[in-house]
Amino acid sequence: MVAILIYDRQSLFQTSISTAISGLLPQSEVVDWATESEVARWIIRRPGTTLFLGQVSLRSETMRLATVHSCPVVWIAERKDSLLPLLAEPATRGIMYRTAKATDLRECFCALREGRMWIQPRDWTDDDESAPDELWKLLTFSEKCLAALLLDGVKNKVIAAQLGTTYQVIKNRTTRIYNKLGVDNRIDLLKTLQKSPPTCESASMAPHGSKQ
């Protein structure tokens, strides 16, 4: 039986996502807690539990315990959260918003089962004032995830391990990103993309119909 723990300070959303996951995974044990201290106690008792966490500090005891006890974390992100610190957290396996639908949750669990990182895609319109910088639109879904990790200074070997692939694959993907953005190395990439730091939304924005 899969154990899934949900914690979010918006109790209405916490209840709704708990109900949705129970419907998608009827054989799972879905639990939602009212306080972060209860979450920490559960992690210690049930290592390996999949955690859906909202509004939890990256420096909290909860996150330390999640890493120590091998609990994969799916972040419930705010609209303007920065993607970089969330992706750099070792326990991170996914990012979703409070706009998540059943189809999003289904894709999330599929990715988790396959050992892949998952970020909820978003649709953008040209008149959306918070739309990401044009440079980020040049990258595919997986390239945005990789670029965010590169910007955070994560080494290629660490990225490969975190994304469940090889060093050479990451190196090849990095080269494609450089070519698309017209840069030669990570320093140039940093200078170029730091002018428009990615939000969770911009990094998760994939072309329509793309699963890359």
N, C-alpha and C. Protein backbone atom coordinates (compact mmCIF):
# COMPACT_ATOMS: atom_id res chain seq x y z
N MET A 1 0.85 -1.20 0.00
CA MET A 1 0.00 0.00 0.00
C MET A 1 0.88 1.25 0.00
N VAL A 2 0.55 2.21 -0.87
CA VAL A 2 1.29 3.46 -0.95
C VAL A 2 0.77 4.43 0.10
N ALA A 3 1.67 5.01 0.88
CA ALA A 3 1.28 6.00 1.89
C ALA A 3 1.51 7.40 1.33
N ILE A 4 0.49 8.23 1.38
CA ILE A 4 0.56 9.59 0.86
C ILE A 4 0.10 10.55 1.94
N LEU A 5 0.94 11.50 2.29
CA LEU A 5 0.61 12.47 3.33
C LEU A 5 0.48 13.85 2.69
N ILE A 6 -0.57 14.57 3.04
CA ILE A 6 -0.84 15.89 2.47
C ILE A 6 -0.86 16.92 3.58
N TYR A 7 -0.09 18.01 3.39
CA TYR A 7 -0.10 19.09 4.37
C TYR A 7 -0.10 20.42 3.64
N ASP A 8 -1.09 21.25 3.89
CA ASP A 8 -1.17 22.57 3.28
C ASP A 8 -1.94 23.47 4.23
N ARG A 9 -1.52 24.70 4.36
CA ARG A 9 -2.18 25.60 5.30
C ARG A 9 -3.53 26.10 4.80
N GLN A 10 -3.81 25.86 3.54
CA GLN A 10 -5.15 26.16 3.03
C GLN A 10 -5.98 24.88 3.16
N SER A 11 -6.71 24.79 4.25
CA SER A 11 -7.38 23.54 4.61
C SER A 11 -8.37 23.07 3.55
N LEU A 12 -9.05 24.00 2.86
CA LEU A 12 -10.01 23.60 1.85
C LEU A 12 -9.32 22.86 0.70
N PHE A 13 -8.17 23.39 0.27
CA PHE A 13 -7.44 22.72 -0.80
C PHE A 13 -6.88 21.39 -0.31
N GLN A 14 -6.40 21.37 0.92
CA GLN A 14 -5.87 20.13 1.48
C GLN A 14 -6.92 19.03 1.46
N THR A 15 -8.14 19.37 1.82
CA THR A 15 -9.22 18.39 1.82
C THR A 15 -9.57 17.95 0.41
N SER A 16 -9.62 18.91 -0.53
CA SER A 16 -10.01 18.57 -1.90
C SER A 16 -8.98 17.69 -2.57
N ILE A 17 -7.70 17.96 -2.37
CA ILE A 17 -6.67 17.14 -3.01
C ILE A 17 -6.62 15.75 -2.36
N SER A 18 -6.89 15.69 -1.07
CA SER A 18 -6.94 14.40 -0.39
C SER A 18 -8.04 13.53 -0.98
N THR A 19 -9.19 14.13 -1.22
CA THR A 19 -10.31 13.40 -1.82
C THR A 19 -9.98 12.95 -3.24
N ALA A 20 -9.36 13.84 -4.00
CA ALA A 20 -9.02 13.52 -5.39
C ALA A 20 -8.01 12.38 -5.47
N ILE A 21 -6.99 12.40 -4.62
CA ILE A 21 -5.97 11.35 -4.64
C ILE A 21 -6.57 10.02 -4.19
N SER A 22 -7.45 10.06 -3.20
CA SER A 22 -8.11 8.82 -2.75
C SER A 22 -8.90 8.19 -3.88
N GLY A 23 -9.52 9.04 -4.73
CA GLY A 23 -10.28 8.52 -5.85
C GLY A 23 -9.38 7.93 -6.93
N LEU A 24 -8.22 8.57 -7.15
CA LEU A 24 -7.30 8.09 -8.17
C LEU A 24 -6.56 6.83 -7.74
N LEU A 25 -6.23 6.77 -6.45
CA LEU A 25 -5.45 5.65 -5.93
C LEU A 25 -6.21 5.01 -4.75
N PRO A 26 -7.26 4.27 -5.05
CA PRO A 26 -8.09 3.71 -3.97
C PRO A 26 -7.36 2.74 -3.05
N GLN A 27 -6.25 2.17 -3.52
CA GLN A 27 -5.49 1.23 -2.69
C GLN A 27 -4.46 1.93 -1.81
N SER A 28 -4.36 3.25 -1.92
CA SER A 28 -3.36 3.98 -1.15
C SER A 28 -3.91 4.42 0.21
N GLU A 29 -3.01 4.76 1.08
CA GLU A 29 -3.38 5.29 2.40
C GLU A 29 -3.12 6.78 2.38
N VAL A 30 -4.17 7.57 2.29
CA VAL A 30 -4.05 9.02 2.17
C VAL A 30 -4.37 9.67 3.51
N VAL A 31 -3.42 10.48 4.00
CA VAL A 31 -3.58 11.12 5.31
C VAL A 31 -3.31 12.61 5.16
N ASP A 32 -4.11 13.45 5.80
CA ASP A 32 -3.79 14.88 5.84
C ASP A 32 -3.77 15.35 7.28
N TRP A 33 -2.79 16.21 7.57
CA TRP A 33 -2.55 16.64 8.95
C TRP A 33 -2.77 18.14 9.11
N ALA A 34 -3.02 18.55 10.34
CA ALA A 34 -3.32 19.94 10.62
C ALA A 34 -2.08 20.75 10.99
N THR A 35 -1.02 20.09 11.47
CA THR A 35 0.16 20.82 11.90
C THR A 35 1.43 20.20 11.30
N GLU A 36 2.45 21.03 11.16
CA GLU A 36 3.70 20.54 10.58
C GLU A 36 4.41 19.57 11.52
N SER A 37 4.24 19.74 12.83
CA SER A 37 4.87 18.82 13.78
C SER A 37 4.31 17.41 13.62
N GLU A 38 3.01 17.31 13.31
CA GLU A 38 2.41 15.99 13.06
C GLU A 38 2.99 15.36 11.80
N VAL A 39 3.26 16.18 10.80
CA VAL A 39 3.89 15.69 9.58
C VAL A 39 5.26 15.09 9.89
N ALA A 40 6.03 15.81 10.70
CA ALA A 40 7.38 15.35 11.05
C ALA A 40 7.32 14.01 11.78
N ARG A 41 6.38 13.85 12.69
CA ARG A 41 6.26 12.58 13.42
C ARG A 41 5.88 11.44 12.48
N TRP A 42 5.00 11.73 11.52
CA TRP A 42 4.59 10.70 10.58
C TRP A 42 5.78 10.24 9.73
N ILE A 43 6.60 11.20 9.27
CA ILE A 43 7.76 10.88 8.43
C ILE A 43 8.69 9.90 9.15
N ILE A 44 8.90 10.13 10.43
CA ILE A 44 9.78 9.26 11.20
C ILE A 44 9.20 7.85 11.30
N ARG A 45 7.89 7.77 11.48
CA ARG A 45 7.23 6.46 11.62
C ARG A 45 7.09 5.73 10.29
N ARG A 46 6.92 6.50 9.20
CA ARG A 46 6.64 5.89 7.91
C ARG A 46 7.60 6.40 6.83
N PRO A 47 8.86 6.00 6.87
CA PRO A 47 9.80 6.45 5.84
C PRO A 47 9.35 6.01 4.45
N GLY A 48 9.65 6.83 3.45
CA GLY A 48 9.26 6.51 2.09
C GLY A 48 7.90 7.03 1.69
N THR A 49 7.17 7.65 2.62
CA THR A 49 5.85 8.20 2.32
C THR A 49 5.97 9.33 1.29
N THR A 50 5.09 9.34 0.31
CA THR A 50 5.04 10.46 -0.64
C THR A 50 4.37 11.65 0.04
N LEU A 51 5.03 12.81 -0.01
CA LEU A 51 4.54 14.00 0.69
C LEU A 51 4.09 15.07 -0.30
N PHE A 52 2.88 15.58 -0.11
CA PHE A 52 2.41 16.76 -0.83
C PHE A 52 2.44 17.91 0.19
N LEU A 53 3.34 18.86 -0.01
CA LEU A 53 3.57 19.90 0.99
C LEU A 53 3.36 21.29 0.41
N GLY A 54 2.63 22.12 1.14
CA GLY A 54 2.44 23.51 0.77
C GLY A 54 2.85 24.43 1.89
N GLN A 55 3.52 25.52 1.54
CA GLN A 55 3.92 26.54 2.51
C GLN A 55 4.76 25.97 3.66
N VAL A 56 5.71 25.14 3.30
CA VAL A 56 6.66 24.59 4.26
C VAL A 56 8.04 25.16 3.97
N SER A 57 8.73 25.62 4.98
CA SER A 57 10.05 26.20 4.78
C SER A 57 11.06 25.14 4.34
N LEU A 58 11.91 25.52 3.38
CA LEU A 58 12.94 24.59 2.92
C LEU A 58 13.94 24.28 4.02
N ARG A 59 14.04 25.15 5.00
CA ARG A 59 15.00 24.96 6.09
C ARG A 59 14.38 24.32 7.33
N SER A 60 13.16 23.86 7.18
CA SER A 60 12.46 23.32 8.34
C SER A 60 12.92 21.90 8.67
N GLU A 61 12.60 21.47 9.88
CA GLU A 61 12.89 20.11 10.32
C GLU A 61 12.13 19.10 9.46
N THR A 62 10.95 19.49 9.00
CA THR A 62 10.16 18.61 8.13
C THR A 62 10.94 18.24 6.88
N MET A 63 11.57 19.23 6.26
CA MET A 63 12.32 18.95 5.02
C MET A 63 13.57 18.14 5.30
N ARG A 64 14.21 18.40 6.42
CA ARG A 64 15.40 17.60 6.77
C ARG A 64 15.00 16.14 6.94
N LEU A 65 13.90 15.91 7.63
CA LEU A 65 13.44 14.55 7.87
C LEU A 65 12.99 13.88 6.57
N ALA A 66 12.37 14.64 5.68
CA ALA A 66 11.93 14.08 4.40
C ALA A 66 13.13 13.55 3.61
N THR A 67 14.22 14.29 3.64
CA THR A 67 15.43 13.86 2.93
C THR A 67 16.05 12.64 3.61
N VAL A 68 16.17 12.70 4.93
CA VAL A 68 16.79 11.60 5.69
C VAL A 68 16.00 10.31 5.54
N HIS A 69 14.68 10.41 5.52
CA HIS A 69 13.83 9.21 5.51
C HIS A 69 13.29 8.88 4.11
N SER A 70 13.95 9.42 3.08
CA SER A 70 13.65 9.08 1.69
C SER A 70 12.18 9.27 1.33
N CYS A 71 11.63 10.41 1.73
CA CYS A 71 10.24 10.73 1.40
C CYS A 71 10.20 11.69 0.21
N PRO A 72 9.74 11.24 -0.96
CA PRO A 72 9.65 12.13 -2.12
C PRO A 72 8.63 13.23 -1.87
N VAL A 73 8.97 14.46 -2.26
CA VAL A 73 8.11 15.62 -1.99
C VAL A 73 7.57 16.20 -3.29
N VAL A 74 6.26 16.41 -3.33
CA VAL A 74 5.62 17.17 -4.39
C VAL A 74 5.19 18.49 -3.77
N TRP A 75 5.76 19.59 -4.26
CA TRP A 75 5.46 20.90 -3.69
C TRP A 75 4.13 21.43 -4.19
N ILE A 76 3.34 21.99 -3.30
CA ILE A 76 2.14 22.73 -3.67
C ILE A 76 2.59 24.19 -3.72
N ALA A 77 2.86 24.67 -4.93
CA ALA A 77 3.54 25.95 -5.09
C ALA A 77 2.57 27.12 -5.20
N GLU A 78 3.02 28.27 -4.73
CA GLU A 78 2.29 29.50 -4.93
C GLU A 78 2.56 30.01 -6.34
N ARG A 79 1.73 30.91 -6.81
CA ARG A 79 1.82 31.36 -8.20
C ARG A 79 3.16 32.02 -8.51
N LYS A 80 3.75 32.69 -7.54
CA LYS A 80 4.98 33.43 -7.80
C LYS A 80 6.20 32.80 -7.12
N ASP A 81 6.06 31.58 -6.63
CA ASP A 81 7.22 30.93 -6.01
C ASP A 81 8.36 30.82 -7.01
N SER A 82 9.58 30.95 -6.52
CA SER A 82 10.74 30.71 -7.38
C SER A 82 10.97 29.22 -7.49
N LEU A 83 11.24 28.77 -8.71
CA LEU A 83 11.43 27.34 -8.95
C LEU A 83 12.78 26.84 -8.45
N LEU A 84 13.80 27.71 -8.50
CA LEU A 84 15.16 27.25 -8.25
C LEU A 84 15.36 26.57 -6.90
N PRO A 85 14.98 27.21 -5.79
CA PRO A 85 15.19 26.53 -4.49
C PRO A 85 14.36 25.27 -4.34
N LEU A 86 13.18 25.22 -4.94
CA LEU A 86 12.35 24.02 -4.83
C LEU A 86 12.99 22.85 -5.57
N LEU A 87 13.50 23.10 -6.78
CA LEU A 87 14.13 22.04 -7.55
C LEU A 87 15.45 21.60 -6.94
N ALA A 88 16.15 22.53 -6.29
CA ALA A 88 17.44 22.19 -5.72
C ALA A 88 17.32 21.35 -4.46
N GLU A 89 16.13 21.32 -3.85
CA GLU A 89 15.91 20.50 -2.66
C GLU A 89 15.98 19.02 -3.03
N PRO A 90 16.86 18.24 -2.40
CA PRO A 90 17.08 16.84 -2.79
C PRO A 90 15.81 15.98 -2.81
N ALA A 91 14.86 16.25 -1.92
CA ALA A 91 13.67 15.41 -1.83
C ALA A 91 12.63 15.72 -2.91
N THR A 92 12.80 16.82 -3.63
CA THR A 92 11.80 17.25 -4.60
C THR A 92 11.62 16.25 -5.73
N ARG A 93 10.36 15.87 -5.98
CA ARG A 93 10.04 15.01 -7.11
C ARG A 93 8.96 15.62 -8.00
N GLY A 94 8.35 16.72 -7.53
CA GLY A 94 7.33 17.34 -8.36
C GLY A 94 6.90 18.69 -7.82
N ILE A 95 6.23 19.47 -8.70
CA ILE A 95 5.69 20.77 -8.32
C ILE A 95 4.31 20.90 -8.95
N MET A 96 3.33 21.28 -8.14
CA MET A 96 1.98 21.48 -8.64
C MET A 96 1.41 22.76 -8.04
N TYR A 97 0.31 23.24 -8.63
CA TYR A 97 -0.36 24.44 -8.15
C TYR A 97 -1.73 24.07 -7.60
N ARG A 98 -2.40 25.04 -7.02
CA ARG A 98 -3.74 24.78 -6.50
C ARG A 98 -4.78 24.73 -7.61
N THR A 99 -4.33 24.91 -8.84
CA THR A 99 -5.22 24.75 -9.99
C THR A 99 -5.19 23.32 -10.53
N ALA A 100 -4.47 22.42 -9.86
CA ALA A 100 -4.29 21.06 -10.35
C ALA A 100 -5.64 20.34 -10.51
N LYS A 101 -5.76 19.63 -11.63
CA LYS A 101 -6.95 18.83 -11.89
C LYS A 101 -6.60 17.35 -11.75
N ALA A 102 -7.60 16.50 -11.86
CA ALA A 102 -7.38 15.05 -11.73
C ALA A 102 -6.37 14.55 -12.76
N THR A 103 -6.43 15.11 -13.97
CA THR A 103 -5.48 14.69 -15.01
C THR A 103 -4.05 15.05 -14.62
N ASP A 104 -3.87 16.20 -13.98
CA ASP A 104 -2.54 16.60 -13.53
C ASP A 104 -2.03 15.64 -12.47
N LEU A 105 -2.89 15.29 -11.52
CA LEU A 105 -2.49 14.37 -10.46
C LEU A 105 -2.15 13.00 -11.02
N ARG A 106 -2.91 12.57 -12.02
CA ARG A 106 -2.65 11.27 -12.65
C ARG A 106 -1.26 11.27 -13.31
N GLU A 107 -0.94 12.35 -14.03
CA GLU A 107 0.37 12.46 -14.67
C GLU A 107 1.48 12.53 -13.62
N CYS A 108 1.20 13.20 -12.52
CA CYS A 108 2.18 13.31 -11.44
C CYS A 108 2.53 11.93 -10.89
N PHE A 109 1.52 11.14 -10.57
CA PHE A 109 1.78 9.81 -10.00
C PHE A 109 2.44 8.88 -11.02
N CYS A 110 2.12 9.05 -12.29
CA CYS A 110 2.76 8.26 -13.34
C CYS A 110 4.26 8.57 -13.36
N ALA A 111 4.59 9.85 -13.28
CA ALA A 111 6.00 10.25 -13.27
C ALA A 111 6.71 9.74 -12.02
N LEU A 112 6.06 9.82 -10.87
CA LEU A 112 6.66 9.35 -9.63
C LEU A 112 6.96 7.85 -9.70
N ARG A 113 6.04 7.09 -10.26
CA ARG A 113 6.25 5.64 -10.39
C ARG A 113 7.44 5.34 -11.29
N GLU A 114 7.63 6.18 -12.32
CA GLU A 114 8.73 5.96 -13.26
C GLU A 114 10.03 6.62 -12.82
N GLY A 115 10.02 7.26 -11.65
CA GLY A 115 11.23 7.89 -11.14
C GLY A 115 11.58 9.19 -11.82
N ARG A 116 10.58 9.83 -12.47
CA ARG A 116 10.81 11.09 -13.16
C ARG A 116 10.33 12.27 -12.30
N MET A 117 10.96 13.43 -12.51
CA MET A 117 10.47 14.64 -11.89
C MET A 117 9.29 15.16 -12.69
N TRP A 118 8.26 15.72 -12.01
CA TRP A 118 7.07 16.21 -12.68
C TRP A 118 6.76 17.63 -12.24
N ILE A 119 6.45 18.50 -13.20
CA ILE A 119 6.03 19.87 -12.91
C ILE A 119 4.74 20.13 -13.67
N GLN A 120 3.75 20.62 -12.98
CA GLN A 120 2.45 20.85 -13.62
C GLN A 120 2.58 21.91 -14.71
N PRO A 121 2.23 21.56 -15.95
CA PRO A 121 2.28 22.56 -17.04
C PRO A 121 1.21 23.62 -16.86
N ARG A 122 1.47 24.77 -17.45
CA ARG A 122 0.48 25.85 -17.44
C ARG A 122 0.32 26.39 -18.86
N ASP A 123 -0.88 26.85 -19.18
CA ASP A 123 -1.12 27.52 -20.46
C ASP A 123 -0.94 29.01 -20.26
N TRP A 124 -0.37 29.66 -21.26
CA TRP A 124 -0.16 31.11 -21.20
C TRP A 124 -0.85 31.77 -22.38
N THR A 125 -1.31 32.99 -22.20
CA THR A 125 -1.84 33.78 -23.30
C THR A 125 -0.92 34.96 -23.52
N ASP A 126 -0.94 35.50 -24.74
CA ASP A 126 -0.01 36.58 -25.08
C ASP A 126 -0.23 37.83 -24.24
N ASP A 127 -1.46 38.02 -23.76
CA ASP A 127 -1.74 39.23 -22.99
C ASP A 127 -1.60 39.01 -21.49
N ASP A 128 -1.05 37.88 -21.09
CA ASP A 128 -0.83 37.61 -19.66
C ASP A 128 0.36 38.43 -19.19
N GLU A 129 0.13 39.38 -18.29
CA GLU A 129 1.20 40.29 -17.88
C GLU A 129 2.31 39.58 -17.12
N SER A 130 2.04 38.39 -16.58
CA SER A 130 3.05 37.68 -15.82
C SER A 130 3.69 36.57 -16.64
N ALA A 131 3.49 36.58 -17.99
CA ALA A 131 4.07 35.55 -18.84
C ALA A 131 5.59 35.59 -18.75
N PRO A 132 6.26 34.43 -18.86
CA PRO A 132 7.70 34.39 -18.70
C PRO A 132 8.43 35.05 -19.85
N ASP A 133 9.69 35.32 -19.64
CA ASP A 133 10.54 35.93 -20.65
C ASP A 133 10.59 35.06 -21.91
N GLU A 134 10.76 35.73 -23.07
CA GLU A 134 10.76 35.02 -24.35
C GLU A 134 11.83 33.94 -24.41
N LEU A 135 12.96 34.15 -23.73
CA LEU A 135 14.03 33.15 -23.77
C LEU A 135 13.57 31.81 -23.24
N TRP A 136 12.79 31.83 -22.16
CA TRP A 136 12.32 30.57 -21.57
C TRP A 136 11.36 29.85 -22.51
N LYS A 137 10.67 30.61 -23.38
CA LYS A 137 9.73 30.00 -24.32
C LYS A 137 10.46 29.18 -25.39
N LEU A 138 11.76 29.42 -25.55
CA LEU A 138 12.52 28.68 -26.55
C LEU A 138 12.84 27.26 -26.10
N LEU A 139 12.70 27.00 -24.81
CA LEU A 139 13.12 25.72 -24.25
C LEU A 139 11.93 24.78 -24.07
N THR A 140 12.19 23.49 -24.21
CA THR A 140 11.16 22.48 -23.97
C THR A 140 10.95 22.33 -22.47
N PHE A 141 9.95 21.55 -22.10
CA PHE A 141 9.65 21.30 -20.69
C PHE A 141 10.87 20.79 -19.93
N SER A 142 11.53 19.74 -20.45
CA SER A 142 12.68 19.16 -19.75
C SER A 142 13.87 20.10 -19.74
N GLU A 143 14.02 20.90 -20.81
CA GLU A 143 15.13 21.85 -20.86
C GLU A 143 14.95 22.97 -19.84
N LYS A 144 13.72 23.38 -19.59
CA LYS A 144 13.47 24.39 -18.55
C LYS A 144 13.87 23.86 -17.17
N CYS A 145 13.50 22.61 -16.90
CA CYS A 145 13.87 22.00 -15.62
C CYS A 145 15.39 21.96 -15.48
N LEU A 146 16.08 21.53 -16.55
CA LEU A 146 17.53 21.42 -16.51
C LEU A 146 18.17 22.80 -16.37
N ALA A 147 17.68 23.78 -17.12
CA ALA A 147 18.25 25.13 -17.04
C ALA A 147 18.12 25.70 -15.64
N ALA A 148 16.99 25.43 -14.97
CA ALA A 148 16.80 25.93 -13.60
C ALA A 148 17.84 25.34 -12.66
N LEU A 149 18.15 24.05 -12.82
CA LEU A 149 19.16 23.41 -11.98
C LEU A 149 20.56 23.94 -12.30
N LEU A 150 20.83 24.17 -13.58
CA LEU A 150 22.12 24.73 -13.97
C LEU A 150 22.31 26.11 -13.35
N LEU A 151 21.25 26.91 -13.37
CA LEU A 151 21.32 28.25 -12.79
C LEU A 151 21.57 28.22 -11.29
N ASP A 152 21.12 27.15 -10.66
CA ASP A 152 21.29 27.04 -9.21
C ASP A 152 22.66 26.47 -8.85
N GLY A 153 23.49 26.21 -9.87
CA GLY A 153 24.85 25.74 -9.62
C GLY A 153 24.99 24.26 -9.35
N VAL A 154 23.95 23.48 -9.63
CA VAL A 154 24.00 22.04 -9.39
C VAL A 154 24.89 21.38 -10.45
N LYS A 155 25.80 20.52 -10.04
CA LYS A 155 26.74 19.87 -10.96
C LYS A 155 26.01 18.84 -11.83
N ASN A 156 26.56 18.61 -13.03
CA ASN A 156 25.92 17.70 -14.00
C ASN A 156 25.71 16.30 -13.44
N LYS A 157 26.68 15.79 -12.70
CA LYS A 157 26.55 14.44 -12.16
C LYS A 157 25.41 14.37 -11.14
N VAL A 158 25.26 15.43 -10.35
CA VAL A 158 24.19 15.49 -9.36
C VAL A 158 22.83 15.59 -10.06
N ILE A 159 22.77 16.41 -11.11
CA ILE A 159 21.53 16.55 -11.89
C ILE A 159 21.14 15.22 -12.49
N ALA A 160 22.12 14.51 -13.06
CA ALA A 160 21.85 13.21 -13.68
C ALA A 160 21.25 12.24 -12.67
N ALA A 161 21.82 12.21 -11.47
CA ALA A 161 21.30 11.32 -10.42
C ALA A 161 19.90 11.73 -10.00
N GLN A 162 19.67 13.04 -9.87
CA GLN A 162 18.38 13.54 -9.42
C GLN A 162 17.28 13.28 -10.45
N LEU A 163 17.63 13.36 -11.74
CA LEU A 163 16.64 13.17 -12.80
C LEU A 163 16.59 11.75 -13.32
N GLY A 164 17.42 10.87 -12.75
CA GLY A 164 17.39 9.47 -13.14
C GLY A 164 17.91 9.19 -14.52
N THR A 165 18.98 9.90 -14.92
CA THR A 165 19.56 9.68 -16.24
C THR A 165 21.09 9.67 -16.12
N THR A 166 21.81 9.77 -17.25
CA THR A 166 23.26 9.68 -17.22
C THR A 166 23.92 11.05 -17.38
N TYR A 167 25.17 11.09 -16.99
CA TYR A 167 25.95 12.33 -17.11
C TYR A 167 26.00 12.79 -18.57
N GLN A 168 26.20 11.85 -19.51
CA GLN A 168 26.32 12.21 -20.93
C GLN A 168 25.02 12.78 -21.47
N VAL A 169 23.87 12.23 -21.02
CA VAL A 169 22.59 12.76 -21.46
C VAL A 169 22.43 14.21 -21.00
N ILE A 170 22.79 14.48 -19.75
CA ILE A 170 22.70 15.85 -19.23
C ILE A 170 23.64 16.77 -19.99
N LYS A 171 24.82 16.29 -20.30
CA LYS A 171 25.79 17.10 -21.06
C LYS A 171 25.24 17.43 -22.44
N ASN A 172 24.62 16.45 -23.11
CA ASN A 172 24.05 16.68 -24.44
C ASN A 172 22.88 17.66 -24.39
N ARG A 173 22.03 17.51 -23.36
CA ARG A 173 20.89 18.42 -23.23
C ARG A 173 21.36 19.84 -22.93
N THR A 174 22.41 19.94 -22.13
CA THR A 174 22.97 21.25 -21.80
C THR A 174 23.49 21.94 -23.06
N THR A 175 24.14 21.18 -23.92
CA THR A 175 24.66 21.74 -25.17
C THR A 175 23.51 22.26 -26.04
N ARG A 176 22.39 21.51 -26.07
CA ARG A 176 21.24 21.97 -26.86
C ARG A 176 20.68 23.28 -26.30
N ILE A 177 20.67 23.40 -24.97
CA ILE A 177 20.21 24.65 -24.35
C ILE A 177 21.13 25.80 -24.74
N TYR A 178 22.43 25.57 -24.67
CA TYR A 178 23.39 26.60 -25.07
C TYR A 178 23.15 27.05 -26.51
N ASN A 179 22.95 26.08 -27.40
CA ASN A 179 22.75 26.39 -28.81
C ASN A 179 21.47 27.20 -29.03
N LYS A 180 20.40 26.83 -28.32
CA LYS A 180 19.13 27.54 -28.49
C LYS A 180 19.22 28.98 -28.01
N LEU A 181 19.97 29.19 -26.94
CA LEU A 181 20.03 30.53 -26.34
C LEU A 181 21.23 31.34 -26.81
N GLY A 182 22.09 30.72 -27.64
CA GLY A 182 23.23 31.44 -28.18
C GLY A 182 24.32 31.74 -27.17
N VAL A 183 24.54 30.81 -26.24
CA VAL A 183 25.59 30.98 -25.24
C VAL A 183 26.60 29.85 -25.38
N ASP A 184 27.78 30.02 -24.79
CA ASP A 184 28.85 29.04 -24.96
C ASP A 184 29.11 28.20 -23.71
N ASN A 185 28.69 28.69 -22.54
CA ASN A 185 29.01 27.98 -21.30
C ASN A 185 28.02 28.35 -20.21
N ARG A 186 28.20 27.75 -19.04
CA ARG A 186 27.26 27.96 -17.95
C ARG A 186 27.31 29.40 -17.43
N ILE A 187 28.46 30.01 -17.46
CA ILE A 187 28.57 31.40 -17.00
C ILE A 187 27.74 32.32 -17.89
N ASP A 188 27.86 32.12 -19.22
CA ASP A 188 27.06 32.93 -20.15
C ASP A 188 25.56 32.66 -19.96
N LEU A 189 25.22 31.38 -19.71
CA LEU A 189 23.83 31.03 -19.47
C LEU A 189 23.31 31.76 -18.24
N LEU A 190 24.12 31.79 -17.19
CA LEU A 190 23.75 32.46 -15.95
C LEU A 190 23.48 33.94 -16.21
N LYS A 191 24.38 34.60 -16.95
CA LYS A 191 24.24 36.02 -17.23
C LYS A 191 22.99 36.30 -18.05
N THR A 192 22.70 35.38 -18.98
CA THR A 192 21.56 35.58 -19.88
C THR A 192 20.23 35.37 -19.19
N LEU A 193 20.09 34.27 -18.46
CA LEU A 193 18.80 33.92 -17.88
C LEU A 193 18.53 34.59 -16.54
N GLN A 194 19.58 35.03 -15.85
CA GLN A 194 19.34 35.70 -14.57
C GLN A 194 18.65 37.04 -14.76
N LYS A 195 18.65 37.55 -15.98
CA LYS A 195 17.95 38.80 -16.25
C LYS A 195 16.44 38.61 -16.12
N SER A 196 16.01 37.36 -16.24
CA SER A 196 14.59 37.03 -16.09
C SER A 196 14.47 35.73 -15.33
N PRO A 197 14.65 35.76 -13.98
CA PRO A 197 14.61 34.53 -13.18
C PRO A 197 13.31 33.78 -13.38
N PRO A 198 13.37 32.44 -13.53
CA PRO A 198 12.15 31.66 -13.79
C PRO A 198 11.30 31.51 -12.55
N THR A 199 10.00 31.59 -12.72
CA THR A 199 9.07 31.21 -11.67
C THR A 199 8.71 29.75 -11.88
N CYS A 200 7.99 29.18 -10.96
CA CYS A 200 7.51 27.81 -11.17
C CYS A 200 6.74 27.72 -12.47
N GLU A 201 5.95 28.74 -12.75
CA GLU A 201 5.09 28.71 -13.92
C GLU A 201 5.91 28.75 -15.21
N SER A 202 6.88 29.66 -15.30
CA SER A 202 7.63 29.76 -16.54
C SER A 202 8.45 28.52 -16.80
N ALA A 203 8.98 27.92 -15.76
CA ALA A 203 9.79 26.72 -15.94
C ALA A 203 8.96 25.51 -16.28
N SER A 204 7.69 25.52 -15.92
CA SER A 204 6.85 24.36 -16.20
C SER A 204 6.06 24.50 -17.49
N MET A 205 6.16 25.67 -18.15
CA MET A 205 5.39 25.91 -19.34
C MET A 205 5.93 25.11 -20.51
N ALA A 206 5.20 24.09 -20.95
CA ALA A 206 5.61 23.27 -22.09
C ALA A 206 4.75 23.58 -23.29
N PRO A 207 5.28 23.37 -24.51
CA PRO A 207 4.47 23.59 -25.70
C PRO A 207 3.22 22.71 -25.67
N HIS A 208 2.15 23.14 -26.29
CA HIS A 208 0.92 22.37 -26.30
C HIS A 208 1.17 20.97 -26.87
N GLY A 209 0.75 19.95 -26.12
CA GLY A 209 0.88 18.58 -26.59
C GLY A 209 2.24 17.99 -26.35
N SER A 210 3.18 18.77 -25.80
CA SER A 210 4.54 18.25 -25.59
C SER A 210 4.64 17.55 -24.26
N LYS A 211 5.34 16.43 -24.24
CA LYS A 211 5.57 15.70 -22.99
C LYS A 211 7.08 15.66 -22.70
N GLN A 212 7.85 16.46 -23.44
CA GLN A 212 9.31 16.44 -23.24
C GLN A 212 9.68 17.20 -22.00
